[in-house]
Protein backbone atom coordinates (compact mmCIF):
# COMPACT_ATOMS: atom_id res chain seq x y z
CA MET A 1 -0.26 -0.05 0.07
CA ALA A 2 1.62 3.48 -1.07
CA PRO A 3 1.96 5.77 1.86
CA HIS A 4 -0.22 8.24 1.33
CA THR A 5 -3.06 5.54 0.86
CA VAL A 6 -2.99 4.79 4.10
CA ASP A 7 -6.52 4.61 5.50
CA PRO A 8 -7.17 6.62 8.69
CA ILE A 9 -8.51 3.67 10.87
CA THR A 10 -5.24 1.76 10.19
CA VAL A 11 -3.24 5.33 11.42
CA GLU A 12 -5.17 5.54 14.41
CA VAL A 13 -4.51 1.23 15.31
CA VAL A 14 -1.10 2.41 14.35
CA ARG A 15 -0.74 5.32 16.75
CA ASN A 16 -1.98 3.57 19.62
CA ALA A 17 -0.69 0.31 19.41
CA VAL A 18 3.02 2.14 19.03
CA VAL A 19 2.05 3.75 22.19
CA ALA A 20 0.38 0.46 24.03
CA TYR A 21 3.82 -1.49 23.45
CA ALA A 22 6.04 1.35 24.97
CA ASP A 23 3.58 1.39 27.89
CA GLU A 24 3.77 -2.59 28.09
CA MET A 25 7.63 -2.21 28.20
CA ALA A 26 7.40 0.16 30.93
CA ASN A 27 5.16 -2.69 32.59
CA VAL A 28 7.43 -5.21 31.92
CA LEU A 29 10.48 -2.96 33.40
CA CYS A 30 8.86 -1.89 36.54
CA LYS A 31 7.65 -4.97 37.67
CA SER A 32 10.79 -6.94 36.91
CA ALA A 33 13.18 -4.50 38.32
CA TYR A 34 15.21 -5.06 42.04
CA ASN A 35 15.73 -1.45 42.84
CA MET A 36 13.09 0.84 44.12
CA MET A 37 14.42 3.69 41.94
CA ILE A 38 12.74 2.06 38.98
CA PHE A 39 9.98 -0.36 40.53
CA GLU A 40 8.43 2.82 42.78
CA VAL A 41 10.07 6.01 41.57
CA ARG A 42 10.05 5.12 37.92
CA ASP A 43 13.04 6.46 37.06
CA TYR A 44 13.12 4.98 33.66
CA CYS A 45 11.93 5.53 30.07
CA CYS A 46 10.95 3.31 27.07
CA GLY A 47 10.61 3.88 23.44
CA LEU A 48 10.40 2.62 19.98
CA ILE A 49 13.27 3.59 17.73
CA ASP A 50 13.41 3.43 13.88
CA VAL A 51 16.69 2.55 12.04
CA ARG A 52 17.32 6.18 11.64
CA GLY A 53 17.43 6.94 15.56
CA ARG A 54 13.93 8.66 15.64
CA MET A 55 11.67 8.36 18.10
CA ILE A 56 8.50 6.29 16.86
CA SER A 57 7.05 6.32 20.47
CA GLN A 58 7.60 6.62 24.49
CA ASN A 59 5.77 5.52 27.65
CA ARG A 60 3.06 7.75 29.03
CA GLY A 61 4.51 8.84 32.60
CA GLY A 62 8.01 8.46 32.35
CA LEU A 63 10.85 11.29 33.15
CA PRO A 64 10.53 14.50 30.74
CA ILE A 65 14.33 15.11 30.77
CA PHE A 66 14.10 11.94 29.24
CA LEU A 67 12.03 13.12 26.32
CA ALA A 68 13.15 11.51 22.83
CA ASP A 69 16.52 11.19 23.64
CA LEU A 70 17.07 7.35 23.24
CA GLY A 71 17.73 7.73 19.56
CA VAL A 72 21.08 9.03 20.31
CA ALA A 73 22.41 5.69 22.30
CA VAL A 74 20.66 3.98 19.07
CA GLU A 75 22.42 6.08 16.57
CA ASP A 76 25.81 5.56 18.23
CA GLY A 77 25.15 1.92 17.91
CA VAL A 78 24.60 2.08 14.38
CA ALA A 79 27.49 4.07 13.38
CA LYS A 80 29.46 1.32 15.37
CA TRP A 81 28.11 -1.98 13.96
CA GLY A 82 25.91 -0.64 10.78
CA LEU A 83 22.64 -1.87 10.08
CA GLU A 84 23.88 -5.03 8.87
CA GLY A 85 25.66 -5.90 11.99
CA PHE A 86 22.89 -6.29 14.31
CA ALA A 87 21.44 -10.00 14.63
CA GLU A 88 18.00 -11.13 16.24
CA GLY A 89 18.57 -11.70 19.54
CA ASP A 90 21.19 -9.23 19.83
CA VAL A 91 21.31 -6.87 23.42
CA LEU A 92 23.07 -3.78 23.67
CA VAL A 93 24.36 -1.75 26.78
CA MET A 94 24.87 2.03 26.54
CA ASN A 95 25.83 5.04 29.31
CA HIS A 96 28.67 6.51 27.64
CA GLY A 97 28.99 9.85 28.75
CA HIS A 98 30.17 12.07 25.75
CA VAL A 99 26.85 10.33 24.12
CA CYS A 100 24.20 10.31 26.40
CA GLY A 101 25.28 12.96 27.86
CA GLN A 102 24.26 12.09 31.79
CA HIS A 103 25.45 10.56 34.70
CA LEU A 104 26.36 6.99 34.08
CA ASN A 105 23.83 5.31 36.16
CA ASN A 106 20.81 6.09 33.70
CA VAL A 107 21.94 2.98 31.43
CA VAL A 108 20.04 2.15 27.94
CA VAL A 109 19.44 -0.87 27.11
CA TYR A 110 18.38 -1.89 23.00
CA ALA A 111 17.33 -4.58 21.01
CA PRO A 112 17.06 -4.41 17.56
CA CYS A 113 13.37 -5.58 15.88
CA PHE A 114 13.67 -8.05 12.92
CA HIS A 115 10.86 -9.04 10.74
CA GLN A 116 11.06 -11.66 7.97
CA GLY A 117 14.81 -11.34 8.67
CA ARG A 118 14.75 -7.19 8.23
CA LEU A 119 15.41 -4.85 10.62
CA ILE A 120 12.72 -2.96 10.95
CA GLY A 121 13.50 -0.68 13.98
CA PHE A 122 14.64 -0.94 17.79
CA ALA A 123 13.05 -1.42 21.34
CA ALA A 124 15.13 0.73 23.96
CA ASN A 125 14.60 1.63 27.20
CA ARG A 126 16.94 3.78 30.12
CA ALA A 127 16.76 3.07 33.71
CA HIS A 128 18.41 4.41 36.82
CA TRP A 129 20.22 1.74 38.17
CA VAL A 130 21.39 1.74 42.29
CA ASP A 131 25.21 1.65 40.89
CA ILE A 132 27.82 1.75 38.35
CA GLY A 133 31.08 1.80 40.53
CA GLY A 134 33.13 4.50 40.67
CA GLY A 135 33.81 6.92 43.65
CA ARG A 136 30.07 8.36 43.78
CA GLN A 137 27.42 6.38 45.54
CA GLY A 138 23.58 8.04 45.32
CA PHE A 139 23.17 11.50 44.65
CA GLY A 140 24.39 14.42 45.53
CA SER A 141 27.79 14.39 45.53
CA ASN A 142 30.31 16.79 44.22
CA ALA A 143 33.35 14.83 44.48
CA THR A 144 34.42 14.26 41.13
CA THR A 145 36.16 16.54 38.57
CA GLU A 146 36.20 14.46 35.40
CA ILE A 147 34.12 11.28 34.05
CA TYR A 148 36.43 8.67 34.58
CA SER A 149 36.02 8.42 38.64
CA GLU A 150 32.10 8.04 37.85
CA GLY A 151 31.98 4.96 37.14
CA LEU A 152 32.03 2.23 34.30
CA GLN A 153 31.28 3.58 30.40
CA MET A 154 29.80 1.28 28.41
CA ARG A 155 29.33 2.16 24.66
CA SER A 156 27.38 0.42 22.42
CA LEU A 157 28.22 -2.98 23.66
CA LYS A 158 26.57 -6.21 23.05
CA ILE A 159 25.73 -8.01 26.13
CA TYR A 160 23.69 -10.42 24.11
CA ARG A 161 24.78 -11.74 20.84
CA ALA A 162 22.39 -13.50 18.70
CA GLY A 163 20.78 -14.98 21.81
CA GLU A 164 23.60 -15.75 23.73
CA PRO A 165 25.23 -13.59 26.74
CA ASP A 166 28.76 -12.42 26.45
CA ASP A 167 29.38 -13.94 29.84
CA THR A 168 32.90 -11.78 30.05
CA LEU A 169 30.93 -8.19 29.97
CA PHE A 170 28.51 -9.70 32.72
CA GLN A 171 31.65 -10.19 35.00
CA ILE A 172 32.99 -6.96 34.84
CA ILE A 173 29.71 -5.39 35.51
CA ARG A 174 29.49 -7.40 38.49
CA ASP A 175 32.93 -7.33 39.96
CA ASN A 176 33.13 -3.28 39.34
CA ILE A 177 29.43 -2.19 41.28
CA ARG A 178 28.91 -2.48 44.67
CA TYR A 179 25.30 -3.74 44.55
CA PRO A 180 25.46 -6.37 41.77
CA GLU A 181 22.48 -8.03 42.82
CA ALA A 182 20.25 -4.87 42.26
CA SER A 183 22.09 -3.88 38.81
CA LEU A 184 22.12 -7.04 37.26
CA GLY A 185 18.63 -7.41 38.31
CA ASP A 186 17.75 -4.17 36.81
CA LEU A 187 19.81 -5.40 33.60
CA ARG A 188 17.59 -8.47 33.32
CA ALA A 189 14.62 -6.37 33.49
CA GLN A 190 15.46 -3.59 30.74
CA ILE A 191 16.19 -6.65 28.53
CA ALA A 192 12.79 -8.35 29.17
CA SER A 193 11.84 -4.93 28.55
CA CYS A 194 13.33 -4.69 25.22
CA ARG A 195 12.48 -7.81 24.07
CA MET A 196 9.09 -7.21 24.55
CA GLY A 197 8.79 -4.01 22.83
CA ALA A 198 10.85 -5.67 19.69
CA ARG A 199 8.47 -8.69 19.35
CA ARG A 200 5.29 -6.37 19.66
CA TYR A 201 6.49 -4.09 17.13
CA ALA A 202 7.70 -7.29 14.57
CA GLU A 203 3.68 -8.44 15.26
CA LEU A 204 2.15 -4.77 14.17
CA VAL A 205 4.41 -4.93 10.75
CA GLY A 206 3.41 -9.08 10.24
CA ARG A 207 -0.24 -7.77 10.55
CA TYR A 208 -0.13 -4.47 8.38
CA GLY A 209 3.41 -4.77 6.64
CA LEU A 210 6.50 -2.72 7.39
CA GLU A 211 5.70 0.14 4.32
CA THR A 212 2.16 0.72 5.95
CA VAL A 213 3.47 0.83 9.53
CA GLU A 214 5.94 3.12 8.14
CA ALA A 215 3.63 5.42 6.45
CA ALA A 216 0.90 5.48 9.36
CA VAL A 217 3.91 6.41 11.79
CA ALA A 218 4.99 9.48 9.17
CA ILE A 219 1.43 10.51 9.33
CA VAL A 220 0.80 10.76 12.86
CA TRP A 221 4.78 12.65 12.97
CA ASP A 222 2.77 14.86 10.76
CA GLN A 223 -0.12 15.44 12.73
CA ALA A 224 1.81 16.28 15.58
CA GLU A 225 4.14 18.94 13.52
CA ARG A 226 0.95 20.54 12.35
CA ALA A 227 -0.67 20.77 16.01
CA VAL A 228 2.15 22.25 17.52
CA ARG A 229 3.38 24.64 14.60
CA ALA A 230 -0.15 25.76 15.04
CA VAL A 231 0.27 26.96 18.67
CA VAL A 232 3.91 28.38 17.79
CA GLU A 233 2.06 30.50 15.71
CA ARG A 234 -0.01 32.34 18.26
CA ILE A 235 3.09 33.25 20.26
CA PRO A 236 3.77 36.82 18.61
CA ASP A 237 7.10 36.74 16.71
CA GLY A 238 10.07 38.07 18.80
CA THR A 239 13.23 37.98 20.65
CA TYR A 240 12.67 37.10 24.28
CA VAL A 241 15.74 36.44 26.70
CA ALA A 242 15.56 35.78 30.39
CA GLU A 243 18.40 35.25 32.96
CA SER A 244 18.60 33.65 36.55
CA PHE A 245 21.49 31.82 38.46
CA LEU A 246 22.04 28.49 40.11
CA ASP A 247 23.81 28.85 43.69
CA ASN A 248 27.02 27.40 42.57
CA ASP A 249 28.48 24.56 41.02
CA GLY A 250 28.65 22.61 44.40
CA ARG A 251 32.71 23.05 44.87
CA ASN A 252 33.39 26.97 44.43
CA LEU A 253 30.68 27.98 46.78
CA ASP A 254 30.82 31.54 46.67
CA LYS A 255 30.58 31.72 42.52
CA PRO A 256 26.52 31.73 41.16
CA LEU A 257 26.40 29.64 37.85
CA ARG A 258 24.73 32.08 35.18
CA VAL A 259 21.40 30.57 33.31
CA LYS A 260 21.03 32.81 30.10
CA VAL A 261 18.32 31.76 27.71
CA THR A 262 17.17 33.54 24.32
CA VAL A 263 14.19 32.56 22.84
CA ARG A 264 13.17 33.25 19.27
CA VAL A 265 9.83 32.85 17.50
CA GLU A 266 9.41 33.56 14.27
CA GLY A 267 5.91 32.12 12.94
CA SER A 268 6.12 28.53 12.99
CA ARG A 269 9.76 28.26 14.18
CA PHE A 270 10.60 28.16 17.91
CA THR A 271 14.26 28.51 19.00
CA VAL A 272 16.20 28.18 22.16
CA ASP A 273 19.37 29.37 21.98
CA PHE A 274 21.60 28.87 25.02
CA SER A 275 24.89 30.57 23.54
CA GLU A 276 25.31 32.98 26.89
CA MET A 277 25.17 29.76 28.98
CA ASN A 278 27.94 29.24 31.58
CA PRO A 279 31.03 27.58 30.58
CA GLN A 280 31.14 24.04 31.67
CA VAL A 281 32.45 23.50 35.29
CA PRO A 282 35.39 21.60 37.03
CA SER A 283 32.55 19.65 39.10
CA PRO A 284 29.92 17.26 37.96
CA LEU A 285 27.60 20.23 37.49
CA ASN A 286 27.97 19.29 34.09
CA SER A 287 25.58 17.40 31.41
CA GLY A 288 26.39 16.58 27.64
CA ARG A 289 24.19 17.86 24.95
CA SER A 290 21.71 15.55 25.30
CA GLY A 291 21.23 17.66 28.72
CA GLY A 292 20.32 21.30 27.31
CA ILE A 293 18.54 19.65 24.38
CA ALA A 294 16.05 17.62 27.62
CA ALA A 295 15.86 21.01 28.86
CA ALA A 296 14.48 22.71 25.53
CA ARG A 297 12.15 19.79 24.66
CA VAL A 298 10.55 19.65 28.43
CA ALA A 299 9.88 23.71 28.29
CA PHE A 300 8.74 23.50 24.45
CA LYS A 301 6.31 20.70 24.89
CA ALA A 302 5.00 22.00 27.82
CA LEU A 303 3.76 25.07 26.11
CA THR A 304 3.20 23.59 22.78
CA SER A 305 1.66 20.04 23.18
CA PRO A 306 1.21 18.56 26.78
CA ASP A 307 -1.35 16.53 26.09
CA LEU A 308 0.00 14.95 22.64
CA ASP A 309 1.77 11.56 23.30
CA VAL A 310 5.68 11.43 22.20
CA ASN A 311 7.04 10.94 19.19
CA GLU A 312 9.47 12.78 16.47
CA GLY A 313 7.12 15.07 15.27
CA CYS A 314 6.18 17.04 18.34
CA PHE A 315 9.70 18.68 17.92
CA LYS A 316 10.38 19.32 14.48
CA PRO A 317 9.74 23.01 14.84
CA LEU A 318 12.38 23.47 17.68
CA GLU A 319 15.95 23.90 16.92
CA VAL A 320 18.13 24.63 19.77
CA VAL A 321 21.50 26.44 19.57
CA LEU A 322 24.06 25.30 21.77
CA PRO A 323 28.02 25.72 21.49
CA GLU A 324 30.34 23.27 22.52
CA GLY A 325 31.75 24.07 26.14
CA THR A 326 28.85 25.10 28.28
CA MET A 327 27.31 23.47 31.24
CA LEU A 328 24.84 21.97 29.31
CA SER A 329 26.99 21.02 26.92
CA ALA A 330 30.27 19.96 28.36
CA ARG A 331 33.58 18.61 26.54
CA PRO A 332 34.84 14.90 27.69
CA PRO A 333 36.48 14.34 30.41
CA ALA A 334 33.76 16.28 32.34
CA ALA A 335 32.20 14.86 35.36
CA LEU A 336 28.35 14.89 34.70
CA GLY A 337 27.66 13.04 38.32
CA GLN A 338 24.84 16.18 39.00
CA TRP A 339 23.69 16.32 35.23
CA SER A 340 20.25 16.71 35.92
CA ILE A 341 20.81 19.69 38.58
CA ALA A 342 21.10 22.88 36.06
CA LEU A 343 17.75 21.96 34.14
CA PRO A 344 14.99 22.60 36.21
CA THR A 345 16.16 26.25 36.81
CA VAL A 346 16.74 26.19 33.11
CA ILE A 347 13.48 25.27 31.92
CA ASP A 348 12.10 27.91 34.19
CA THR A 349 14.01 30.12 32.88
CA ILE A 350 12.98 29.52 29.14
CA LEU A 351 9.46 29.78 30.27
CA LYS A 352 10.53 33.09 32.28
CA ALA A 353 11.29 34.53 28.93
CA LEU A 354 8.50 33.93 27.44
CA ALA A 355 6.18 35.37 30.52
CA PRO A 356 5.77 38.74 28.59
CA ALA A 357 4.45 37.05 24.84
CA VAL A 358 2.60 34.72 27.02
CA PRO A 359 1.48 35.46 30.44
CA GLU A 360 -1.33 33.14 30.22
CA ARG A 361 0.41 30.02 30.39
CA VAL A 362 3.59 30.64 32.29
CA PRO A 363 3.50 30.37 35.98
CA ALA A 364 6.11 31.57 38.29
CA ALA A 365 9.42 29.46 39.36
CA HIS A 366 9.02 26.03 41.00
CA LYS A 367 11.10 24.78 43.65
CA GLY A 368 13.84 24.58 40.89
CA ASP A 369 16.11 21.42 41.85
CA MET A 370 16.09 17.68 41.39
CA GLY A 371 16.28 17.26 45.58
CA GLY A 372 16.79 13.96 46.68
CA CYS A 373 18.46 11.95 49.37
CA SER A 374 21.66 9.35 49.91
CA PHE A 375 22.54 7.67 52.73
CA PHE A 376 25.04 4.67 52.61
CA GLY A 377 26.62 2.22 54.98
CA PHE A 378 26.27 -1.07 56.50
CA ALA A 379 22.98 -2.55 58.30
CA PRO A 380 23.57 -3.82 61.37
CA ASP A 381 23.47 -7.53 59.63
CA GLY A 382 26.93 -6.33 57.94
CA SER A 383 24.83 -6.17 54.28
CA ARG A 384 25.68 -2.78 52.32
CA PHE A 385 22.45 -0.34 51.83
CA LEU A 386 21.99 2.71 49.67
CA LEU A 387 19.11 4.39 50.52
CA MET A 388 17.86 7.19 47.71
CA ASN A 389 14.66 8.75 47.46
CA ILE A 390 13.53 11.92 45.86
CA PHE A 391 11.61 15.36 46.82
CA GLY A 392 8.78 17.05 46.44
CA GLY A 393 8.54 20.85 46.84
CA GLY A 394 6.20 24.14 45.45
CA TRP A 395 5.44 25.14 41.90
CA GLY A 396 5.02 28.49 41.18
CA GLY A 397 1.57 30.19 41.15
CA ARG A 398 -0.03 30.20 37.96
CA PRO A 399 -2.53 32.95 36.11
CA HIS A 400 -5.73 31.12 37.36
CA GLU A 401 -5.01 29.33 40.37
CA ASP A 402 -2.52 28.59 43.25
CA GLY A 403 0.66 26.27 42.75
CA GLU A 404 0.85 23.21 43.28
CA SER A 405 2.89 21.72 46.75
CA ALA A 406 4.73 18.91 47.74
CA ALA A 407 5.65 18.11 43.94
CA VAL A 408 8.88 17.08 42.06
CA SER A 409 10.43 18.96 39.95
CA VAL A 410 9.20 19.93 36.10
CA CYS A 411 12.20 17.23 35.23
CA GLN A 412 10.58 14.41 36.72
CA GLY A 413 7.05 14.80 35.66
CA ASP A 414 5.06 11.83 37.04
CA VAL A 415 8.01 10.06 39.33
CA ARG A 416 6.84 9.15 42.85
CA ASN A 417 9.09 9.53 46.30
CA THR A 418 9.64 6.01 47.96
CA PRO A 419 6.63 5.14 50.33
CA VAL A 420 7.97 5.82 53.85
CA GLU A 421 6.81 2.20 54.97
CA LEU A 422 9.45 0.73 52.45
CA GLN A 423 12.42 2.93 53.36
CA GLU A 424 11.69 1.79 57.31
CA ILE A 425 11.51 -1.77 56.66
CA LYS A 426 14.21 -1.99 54.01
CA TYR A 427 16.78 0.66 55.53
CA PRO A 428 18.13 1.57 59.24
CA PHE A 429 16.09 4.61 59.67
CA LEU A 430 12.89 5.75 60.89
CA ILE A 431 11.07 8.53 59.26
CA GLU A 432 9.74 10.91 62.02
CA ARG A 433 7.63 13.67 59.75
CA HIS A 434 7.04 14.76 56.25
CA ALA A 435 4.18 17.26 56.18
CA LEU A 436 4.03 20.26 54.23
CA ARG A 437 6.41 23.91 54.97
CA PRO A 438 4.01 26.69 56.21
CA ASP A 439 4.49 29.88 54.45
CA SER A 440 7.09 28.53 52.10
CA GLY A 441 4.74 29.51 49.03
CA GLY A 442 5.35 32.89 47.54
CA ALA A 443 2.88 35.54 48.45
CA GLY A 444 0.66 36.50 45.30
CA ALA A 445 -2.58 36.69 44.41
CA ARG A 446 -2.01 33.22 43.53
CA ARG A 447 -0.07 31.52 45.74
CA GLY A 448 3.14 29.63 45.43
CA GLY A 449 3.21 25.74 45.95
CA LEU A 450 4.33 25.09 49.69
CA GLY A 451 7.75 22.77 49.94
CA ILE A 452 7.99 20.00 52.27
CA ALA A 453 9.58 18.84 55.79
CA LEU A 454 11.04 15.61 56.12
CA THR A 455 12.95 14.50 58.99
CA TYR A 456 14.72 10.94 59.12
CA ARG A 457 16.37 9.57 62.22
CA CYS A 458 19.38 7.51 62.06
CA LEU A 459 19.52 3.73 63.66
CA ALA A 460 23.20 3.02 62.08
CA PRO A 461 26.19 4.35 61.28
CA CYS A 462 26.34 5.87 57.88
CA ARG A 463 26.97 8.85 55.44
CA GLY A 464 25.25 10.56 53.27
CA ASN A 465 24.73 13.65 50.45
CA VAL A 466 23.01 16.64 50.60
CA ASN A 467 22.68 18.78 47.83
CA PHE A 468 20.21 21.44 46.96
CA ASP A 469 19.79 24.25 44.53
CA ARG A 470 17.76 27.31 44.93
CA THR A 471 19.40 27.88 48.13
CA VAL A 472 20.92 31.27 47.22
CA THR A 473 18.50 32.57 44.29
CA PRO A 474 15.13 30.84 45.72
CA PRO A 475 12.14 30.62 43.31
CA TRP A 476 11.07 34.00 41.56
CA GLY A 477 7.56 35.30 41.73
CA LEU A 478 6.04 36.68 38.28
CA HIS A 479 4.00 40.05 37.76
CA GLY A 480 4.76 41.23 41.40
CA GLY A 481 4.08 38.16 43.22
CA GLY A 482 7.09 37.28 46.09
CA ALA A 483 9.60 34.38 46.01
CA GLY A 484 9.11 31.37 47.57
CA ASP A 485 11.35 30.45 50.54
CA ILE A 486 14.97 28.50 49.99
CA SER A 487 15.84 24.86 50.15
CA LYS A 488 18.07 23.62 53.06
CA ALA A 489 19.20 20.92 55.32
CA VAL A 490 19.11 20.58 59.37
CA ILE A 491 21.18 18.25 61.20
CA GLU A 492 20.23 17.62 64.69
CA ARG A 493 23.14 15.72 66.21
CA ALA A 494 22.40 13.06 69.35
CA ASP A 495 24.69 15.16 71.31
CA GLY A 496 22.30 18.09 70.97
CA ARG A 497 24.66 20.05 68.08
CA VAL A 498 22.81 21.76 65.21
CA GLU A 499 23.91 22.38 61.50
CA THR A 500 22.12 23.79 58.53
CA VAL A 501 23.57 22.75 55.37
CA PHE A 502 23.19 23.65 51.50
CA LYS A 503 25.21 21.22 49.82
CA ALA A 504 27.70 18.56 51.55
CA THR A 505 29.25 15.27 49.87
CA ASP A 506 29.95 11.91 52.47
CA VAL A 507 28.71 13.71 55.22
CA GLU A 508 28.95 11.37 58.25
CA PHE A 509 25.62 10.29 60.55
CA ARG A 510 25.89 8.34 64.11
CA PRO A 511 22.68 6.61 65.23
CA GLY A 512 20.12 9.19 66.79
CA ASP A 513 21.16 11.79 64.50
CA ARG A 514 18.34 13.33 62.45
CA ILE A 515 18.09 15.26 59.35
CA THR A 516 15.36 17.17 57.94
CA PHE A 517 15.21 17.97 54.71
CA LEU A 518 13.46 21.44 53.71
CA THR A 519 12.37 22.23 50.46
CA ALA A 520 11.82 25.21 48.61
CA GLY A 521 8.01 26.86 47.78
CA GLY A 522 7.10 27.89 44.45
CA GLY A 523 7.36 31.63 43.53
CA GLY A 524 3.80 33.68 43.55
CA TYR A 525 1.96 35.34 40.50
CA GLY A 526 0.55 38.79 40.75
CA ASP A 527 0.16 41.35 43.48
CA PRO A 528 -0.47 39.53 46.82
CA LYS A 529 -2.74 42.13 47.65
CA ALA A 530 -4.81 41.33 44.92
CA ARG A 531 -5.13 37.60 47.10
CA ASP A 532 -9.42 36.63 47.14
CA ARG A 533 -9.11 37.33 51.13
CA ALA A 534 -11.40 33.88 51.58
CA ALA A 535 -8.59 32.14 49.92
CA LEU A 536 -6.37 33.93 52.41
CA GLU A 537 -8.84 33.01 55.47
CA ALA A 538 -8.93 29.40 54.15
CA ASP A 539 -4.63 29.62 54.01
CA VAL A 540 -4.37 30.71 57.29
CA ALA A 541 -6.82 28.50 58.65
CA LEU A 542 -5.49 25.23 57.24
CA GLY A 543 -1.87 25.96 58.62
CA LEU A 544 -0.74 27.08 55.06
CA VAL A 545 0.41 30.59 55.62
CA THR A 546 0.88 31.67 59.51
CA ALA A 547 -0.95 34.69 60.48
CA GLN A 548 2.24 36.67 60.58
CA ALA A 549 3.19 35.93 57.64
CA ALA A 550 -0.37 36.71 56.29
CA ALA A 551 0.18 40.46 57.75
CA ARG A 552 3.40 40.98 56.60
CA ASP A 553 3.33 39.53 52.80
CA TYR A 554 -0.45 40.08 52.48
CA GLY A 555 -1.46 43.13 54.38
CA ARG A 556 -3.34 42.66 57.90
CA GLU A 557 -7.03 43.79 56.47
CA ALA A 558 -6.36 41.70 53.66
CA ALA A 559 -5.97 38.78 55.84
CA GLY A 560 -8.96 39.56 57.83
CA LEU A 561 -6.67 39.29 61.21
CA GLY A 562 -7.39 42.00 63.63
């Protein structure tokens, strides 16, 4: 059947089938993984890729910063092996820093898909391994200065060849990571997921033929592109510039890092220019090019097509200008362990640039970090443990409603925190508090969302990392709204000493020590004195805003407080 004659019903079947297959891949991965960052937090993405590295489909609910970037891993494999170099039953593993641009724990696994002996595409996923070796453990370490100390790098290596495992490669991985049972269990789950996706896509091609399926996919991409261009055309043409700052690079704590973005809108073309971004830094707060491109894609998709399934067509109107050597496009051998820390602020800054053009669509800044905790050590039974969890915080007030409270960053999308009960069952900690943080949301006609207060009490000796951003420059308000509160951690030692910490690597904890993570609130939107009196009184009654803050930030009369 010629591409232009594909009937609309077949197009819809293919459209929904390829997304269903990506979702099924995600279910297989989630249900088979050993690591709570995958089966609870859901720090992964799954998708189908064509032979040119283009995104056919991606699972719903994956991390936004993994938007349509599995293709670069596949492209690298095609360049290495050639399209004739893949066999049925091959499985490849990939996390190379220079290609993928992310911390090495984010491991891509992909498998070629064949129909009647012909290579028709790839099934791929990325998942966060609990460990990849090297000098870092968990989130938040600022100790590294080059990629080689951050763990194993694997560049499109065949861990299965025509269905047979490479035992040598398995042993290299097993012998060089701290938690081989967890990481190799996750690897097996990723392999099962890819095999499922490859089988499903081959079934679809067997039903309709490759020419028809590829033509239907091209139509789906074209439809997505037209829908997105129509939205861009409604943004006034112009050049829009915004600037913000990250606190520092985690090592030189006195030097802020500039985030400067230029957005150009010309008809249906949308360009994000990072030419004036801060240069790469001698710490792990860098990403490769995929980091900057991911940030641009998240902001672009949020503005233009938040309800569309992810595919290549969603991003055809977007151009990203990203010269080499910035902290979003670092040259090797830059460390990448904190690759995602900058991205929420970069996304907020892209939106900030567009606030004058589309004020009805742009919120104030949100908590703006990828906050989480890592504690590591040995449990009382002698087993090694690594507790990792992610934190919510406040989102910015919006044109028509308050910001969300206790939500993860814009980069983390639908991921979840790890349930308190599971953390206490598996690790030597008690979680004594997990509550909203009063007064942390910025004042405004639409209040910023609240951060959280989360307290851990240690039951065994261990070490940990603390790494927040927006600890110096708080999440900003828009159109007269106030800033949200900053992030910080408070350590209460068992002997009574108290420390306030913003960024620290390899902190020692003893039994009885407590650490409370206080996450940032979102910025407010609009003049606080324009806030509805009943809404403010409800905030005070619910304990979201104290009477003192209501009087200070909104005015005593507006608060209805004598």
